[in-house]
Amino acid sequence: INREQRYQKEAEEEEKRKKLLAEGNLAKLKELDQKRPINIDNCGDVKEERTVINSYSDGCGAGETRGFRSAIEKEERDWNLEGYEGYLRENKALLDEFIDANWAGCRGLLTERGNELVNQHS
């Protein structure tokens, strides 16, 4: 019953808001907004929704999960080092410059030479 009354009161306030907005009475509109009670339905707006996954299932069975540690270890085992050492040798000066640069310098390097800095071996 309380919820229904709250919804009815909010609907009436919304009608008042629309009327004041149409009239251009911003002072009364601001006063009405300041008096509005805050509840779970009107305290904020959802801008983006995300799902955070803390573990994953590898098909072991219902309820059995392994942590991210094993996923990282598997990825490390499967990662191919071929070409990585060559990449480091060829781009040592660029990588050192990127590491020693300040924020603006890093941004500039990424803008100018981003293809070299961000590739499969970086």
Foldseek 3Di string as FASTA:
>chain_A
DVVVVVVVVVVVLVVVLVVCVVVVVVVVNVVSVVPDDDDPVPPDDDDDDDDDDQWDCPPPDPPDTDGCVVVVVVCVVPDDCPCLVVLCVVCVVVVVQCVPDDPVSVVVCCVVPVVSVDDPND
